[in-house]
């Protein structure tokens, strides 16, 4: 069983997340938080394996929240916009590169074979 947390500032989206998580028997929803600050408090008290998080939230965004974590859990970013999706992908690749994964192999299928470092 994986302990997970859902974080979204939109009440309807948070309810939908909670409902979908409850249908998966291998997930244990530890908390549903309205913002990243609530999530920080929860994660200080409870181990979390998986985070479902909205990218665009007031105060501390989902991207900032995940980047600030010392121990990175598995993350599923939630966003209604493509612009935020790209930011999440870049953060994910940055985290992977810190762990010395072959991130260039992951980038090539996304942006093509052109020189992506310039």
C-alpha atoms as a PDB file:
ATOM      1  CA  UNK A   1       0.000   0.000   0.000  1.00  0.00           C
ATOM      2  CA  UNK A   2       1.307   3.447  -0.940  1.00  0.00           C
ATOM      3  CA  UNK A   3       0.635   6.440   1.266  1.00  0.00           C
ATOM      4  CA  UNK A   4      -0.382   9.404  -0.849  1.00  0.00           C
ATOM      5  CA  UNK A   5      -1.451  12.995  -0.444  1.00  0.00           C
ATOM      6  CA  UNK A   6      -3.643  15.150  -2.680  1.00  0.00           C
ATOM      7  CA  UNK A   7      -2.962  18.897  -2.939  1.00  0.00           C
ATOM      8  CA  UNK A   8      -5.160  21.312  -4.871  1.00  0.00           C
ATOM      9  CA  UNK A   9      -6.527  24.771  -4.154  1.00  0.00           C
ATOM     10  CA  UNK A  10      -9.679  24.097  -6.199  1.00  0.00           C
ATOM     11  CA  UNK A  11     -12.257  22.377  -3.952  1.00  0.00           C
ATOM     12  CA  UNK A  12     -13.974  20.498  -6.798  1.00  0.00           C
ATOM     13  CA  UNK A  13     -10.683  19.230  -8.199  1.00  0.00           C
ATOM     14  CA  UNK A  14      -9.614  18.098  -4.725  1.00  0.00           C
ATOM     15  CA  UNK A  15     -12.892  16.213  -4.248  1.00  0.00           C
ATOM     16  CA  UNK A  16     -12.458  14.527  -7.624  1.00  0.00           C
ATOM     17  CA  UNK A  17      -8.913  13.511  -6.691  1.00  0.00           C
ATOM     18  CA  UNK A  18     -10.081  12.096  -3.369  1.00  0.00           C
ATOM     19  CA  UNK A  19     -12.837  10.147  -5.088  1.00  0.00           C
ATOM     20  CA  UNK A  20     -10.502   8.683  -7.723  1.00  0.00           C
ATOM     21  CA  UNK A  21      -7.840   7.781  -5.156  1.00  0.00           C
ATOM     22  CA  UNK A  22     -10.428   6.017  -3.000  1.00  0.00           C
ATOM     23  CA  UNK A  23     -11.167   3.675  -5.914  1.00  0.00           C
ATOM     24  CA  UNK A  24      -7.598   2.403  -6.039  1.00  0.00           C
ATOM     25  CA  UNK A  25      -7.011  -0.287  -3.404  1.00  0.00           C
ATOM     26  CA  UNK A  26      -3.223   0.115  -3.414  1.00  0.00           C
ATOM     27  CA  UNK A  27      -3.411   3.817  -2.408  1.00  0.00           C
ATOM     28  CA  UNK A  28      -3.921   5.083   1.131  1.00  0.00           C
ATOM     29  CA  UNK A  29      -4.918   8.757   1.139  1.00  0.00           C
ATOM     30  CA  UNK A  30      -3.123  10.273   4.122  1.00  0.00           C
ATOM     31  CA  UNK A  31      -4.482  13.799   3.605  1.00  0.00           C
ATOM     32  CA  UNK A  32      -6.219  16.116   1.165  1.00  0.00           C
ATOM     33  CA  UNK A  33      -4.740  19.604   1.419  1.00  0.00           C
ATOM     34  CA  UNK A  34      -5.913  22.940   0.054  1.00  0.00           C
ATOM     35  CA  UNK A  35      -2.372  24.326  -0.331  1.00  0.00           C
ATOM     36  CA  UNK A  36       1.297  23.413  -0.195  1.00  0.00           C
ATOM     37  CA  UNK A  37       1.756  24.772   3.326  1.00  0.00           C
ATOM     38  CA  UNK A  38      -0.859  22.361   4.702  1.00  0.00           C
ATOM     39  CA  UNK A  39       0.875  19.571   2.806  1.00  0.00           C
ATOM     40  CA  UNK A  40       4.244  20.474   4.353  1.00  0.00           C
ATOM     41  CA  UNK A  41       2.774  20.140   7.838  1.00  0.00           C
ATOM     42  CA  UNK A  42       1.222  16.794   6.965  1.00  0.00           C
ATOM     43  CA  UNK A  43       4.395  15.428   5.392  1.00  0.00           C
ATOM     44  CA  UNK A  44       6.421  16.368   8.488  1.00  0.00           C
ATOM     45  CA  UNK A  45       4.187  14.050  10.537  1.00  0.00           C
ATOM     46  CA  UNK A  46       3.405  11.294   8.028  1.00  0.00           C
ATOM     47  CA  UNK A  47       5.526   9.452   5.451  1.00  0.00           C
ATOM     48  CA  UNK A  48       4.211   9.949   1.924  1.00  0.00           C
ATOM     49  CA  UNK A  49       5.177   7.830  -1.083  1.00  0.00           C
ATOM     50  CA  UNK A  50       3.136   9.607  -3.760  1.00  0.00           C
ATOM     51  CA  UNK A  51       1.982  13.209  -4.196  1.00  0.00           C
ATOM     52  CA  UNK A  52      -0.864  14.324  -6.448  1.00  0.00           C
ATOM     53  CA  UNK A  53      -0.393  18.088  -6.757  1.00  0.00           C
ATOM     54  CA  UNK A  54      -1.804  21.007  -8.679  1.00  0.00           C
ATOM     55  CA  UNK A  55       0.971  22.996 -10.321  1.00  0.00           C
ATOM     56  CA  UNK A  56      -0.586  26.440 -10.160  1.00  0.00           C
ATOM     57  CA  UNK A  57      -1.576  27.415  -6.623  1.00  0.00           C
ATOM     58  CA  UNK A  58      -1.381  30.716  -4.759  1.00  0.00           C
ATOM     59  CA  UNK A  59       1.451  31.289  -2.300  1.00  0.00           C
ATOM     60  CA  UNK A  60       3.637  28.303  -3.080  1.00  0.00           C
ATOM     61  CA  UNK A  61       3.157  26.577  -6.421  1.00  0.00           C
ATOM     62  CA  UNK A  62       3.227  22.827  -6.807  1.00  0.00           C
ATOM     63  CA  UNK A  63       6.534  23.094  -8.656  1.00  0.00           C
ATOM     64  CA  UNK A  64       8.107  25.159  -5.872  1.00  0.00           C
ATOM     65  CA  UNK A  65       6.751  22.773  -3.269  1.00  0.00           C
ATOM     66  CA  UNK A  66       8.199  19.666  -4.913  1.00  0.00           C
ATOM     67  CA  UNK A  67      11.521  21.408  -5.583  1.00  0.00           C
ATOM     68  CA  UNK A  68      11.753  22.350  -1.889  1.00  0.00           C
ATOM     69  CA  UNK A  69      11.408  18.784  -0.620  1.00  0.00           C
ATOM     70  CA  UNK A  70      14.631  17.206   0.552  1.00  0.00           C
ATOM     71  CA  UNK A  71      13.325  13.671   0.029  1.00  0.00           C
ATOM     72  CA  UNK A  72      11.396  13.577  -3.240  1.00  0.00           C
ATOM     73  CA  UNK A  73       8.362  11.272  -3.341  1.00  0.00           C
ATOM     74  CA  UNK A  74       6.779  10.071  -6.549  1.00  0.00           C
ATOM     75  CA  UNK A  75       4.795  12.958  -8.025  1.00  0.00           C
ATOM     76  CA  UNK A  76       1.815  13.277 -10.329  1.00  0.00           C
ATOM     77  CA  UNK A  77       1.391  16.888 -11.415  1.00  0.00           C
ATOM     78  CA  UNK A  78      -2.106  18.108 -12.151  1.00  0.00           C
ATOM     79  CA  UNK A  79      -2.654  21.031 -14.505  1.00  0.00           C
ATOM     80  CA  UNK A  80      -5.283  22.254 -16.949  1.00  0.00           C
ATOM     81  CA  UNK A  81      -2.745  24.223 -19.071  1.00  0.00           C
ATOM     82  CA  UNK A  82       0.039  23.152 -21.428  1.00  0.00           C
ATOM     83  CA  UNK A  83       2.338  25.934 -20.223  1.00  0.00           C
ATOM     84  CA  UNK A  84       2.377  24.519 -16.705  1.00  0.00           C
ATOM     85  CA  UNK A  85       2.838  21.017 -18.068  1.00  0.00           C
ATOM     86  CA  UNK A  86       6.118  22.035 -19.706  1.00  0.00           C
ATOM     87  CA  UNK A  87       7.341  23.604 -16.470  1.00  0.00           C
ATOM     88  CA  UNK A  88       6.550  20.374 -14.627  1.00  0.00           C
ATOM     89  CA  UNK A  89       8.396  18.367 -17.235  1.00  0.00           C
ATOM     90  CA  UNK A  90      11.465  20.604 -16.946  1.00  0.00           C
ATOM     91  CA  UNK A  91      11.450  20.279 -13.149  1.00  0.00           C
ATOM     92  CA  UNK A  92      11.143  16.507 -13.445  1.00  0.00           C
ATOM     93  CA  UNK A  93      14.069  16.357 -15.827  1.00  0.00           C
ATOM     94  CA  UNK A  94      16.113  18.580 -13.519  1.00  0.00           C
ATOM     95  CA  UNK A  95      15.430  16.243 -10.587  1.00  0.00           C
ATOM     96  CA  UNK A  96      16.368  13.246 -12.726  1.00  0.00           C
ATOM     97  CA  UNK A  97      19.596  14.943 -13.823  1.00  0.00           C
ATOM     98  CA  UNK A  98      20.554  15.532 -10.190  1.00  0.00           C
ATOM     99  CA  UNK A  99      20.336  11.800  -9.712  1.00  0.00           C
ATOM    100  CA  UNK A 100      22.616  11.397 -12.773  1.00  0.00           C
ATOM    101  CA  UNK A 101      20.054   9.696 -14.963  1.00  0.00           C
ATOM    102  CA  UNK A 102      20.530   9.848 -18.738  1.00  0.00           C
ATOM    103  CA  UNK A 103      18.119  12.784 -19.044  1.00  0.00           C
ATOM    104  CA  UNK A 104      19.183  13.579 -22.623  1.00  0.00           C
ATOM    105  CA  UNK A 105      17.647  10.254 -23.643  1.00  0.00           C
ATOM    106  CA  UNK A 106      14.351  11.421 -22.170  1.00  0.00           C
ATOM    107  CA  UNK A 107      14.515  14.864 -23.770  1.00  0.00           C
ATOM    108  CA  UNK A 108      15.142  13.770 -27.349  1.00  0.00           C
ATOM    109  CA  UNK A 109      11.729  12.143 -27.918  1.00  0.00           C
ATOM    110  CA  UNK A 110      10.040  15.263 -26.526  1.00  0.00           C
ATOM    111  CA  UNK A 111      11.814  18.016 -28.448  1.00  0.00           C
ATOM    112  CA  UNK A 112      13.401  16.133 -31.322  1.00  0.00           C
ATOM    113  CA  UNK A 113      16.959  15.503 -32.388  1.00  0.00           C
ATOM    114  CA  UNK A 114      18.000  19.166 -32.738  1.00  0.00           C
ATOM    115  CA  UNK A 115      20.590  20.608 -30.379  1.00  0.00           C
ATOM    116  CA  UNK A 116      18.515  21.166 -27.230  1.00  0.00           C
ATOM    117  CA  UNK A 117      21.310  22.587 -25.094  1.00  0.00           C
ATOM    118  CA  UNK A 118      21.494  25.989 -26.905  1.00  0.00           C
END
